[in-house]
Amino acid sequence: MHVELLDPEAELLAMLLVKELEETRVEIHHAKNLDFKEGLEQRAATLRMLIGKFAHAPV
């Protein structure tokens, strides 16, 4: 899939991804159930991957 975004849209989306990653890290820290924690860790990995794509996107 290919999506084109204007700069302000891309900046907002990147900011929201970083915020979600921060919130997910807090959830991971507080998670007591191992399966739930592993799911959160996978979510964090996906968020980091998406953030990385924005960091390397051409302007």
Protein backbone atom coordinates (compact mmCIF):
# COMPACT_ATOMS: atom_id res chain seq x y z
CA MET A 1 0.00 0.00 0.00
CA HIS A 2 1.23 3.50 -0.82
CA VAL A 3 -0.10 6.57 0.99
CA GLU A 4 0.92 10.15 0.29
CA LEU A 5 0.73 12.65 3.13
CA LEU A 6 1.31 16.36 3.31
CA ASP A 7 4.14 17.38 5.66
CA PRO A 8 1.81 18.54 8.47
CA GLU A 9 -0.13 15.26 8.23
CA ALA A 10 3.06 13.18 8.37
CA GLU A 11 4.36 15.18 11.33
CA LEU A 12 1.11 14.71 13.24
CA LEU A 13 1.03 10.99 12.51
CA ALA A 14 4.66 10.58 13.60
CA MET A 15 3.93 12.49 16.81
CA LEU A 16 0.92 10.27 17.54
CA LEU A 17 3.00 7.14 16.97
CA VAL A 18 5.65 8.33 19.43
CA LYS A 19 2.98 9.16 22.00
CA GLU A 20 1.41 5.72 21.57
CA LEU A 21 4.82 4.07 21.97
CA GLU A 22 5.38 5.96 25.24
CA GLU A 23 1.97 4.86 26.54
CA THR A 24 2.62 1.28 25.47
CA ARG A 25 5.93 1.27 27.35
CA VAL A 26 4.08 2.27 30.53
CA GLU A 27 1.53 -0.49 29.96
CA ILE A 28 4.35 -3.03 29.46
CA HIS A 29 5.93 -1.93 32.74
CA HIS A 30 2.65 -2.45 34.63
CA ALA A 31 1.50 -5.63 32.87
CA LYS A 32 1.32 -8.69 35.09
CA ASN A 33 -0.06 -11.21 32.58
CA LEU A 34 2.79 -12.62 30.46
CA ASP A 35 0.68 -13.14 27.31
CA PHE A 36 -0.67 -9.60 27.52
CA LYS A 37 2.82 -8.23 28.12
CA GLU A 38 4.17 -10.10 25.07
CA GLY A 39 1.36 -8.64 22.96
CA LEU A 40 2.27 -5.17 24.17
CA GLU A 41 5.94 -5.78 23.38
CA GLN A 42 4.98 -6.80 19.83
CA ARG A 43 2.88 -3.65 19.55
CA ALA A 44 5.85 -1.56 20.71
CA ALA A 45 8.08 -3.23 18.10
CA THR A 46 5.55 -2.41 15.38
CA LEU A 47 5.32 1.19 16.58
CA ARG A 48 9.13 1.51 16.53
CA MET A 49 9.19 0.13 12.99
CA LEU A 50 6.56 2.63 11.84
CA ILE A 51 8.36 5.52 13.55
CA GLY A 52 11.54 4.44 11.77
CA LYS A 53 9.77 4.54 8.41
CA PHE A 54 8.74 8.13 9.06
CA ALA A 55 12.27 9.05 10.11
CA HIS A 56 13.67 7.75 6.80
CA ALA A 57 10.88 9.03 4.54
CA PRO A 58 11.88 11.49 1.84
CA VAL A 59 10.69 15.04 2.41
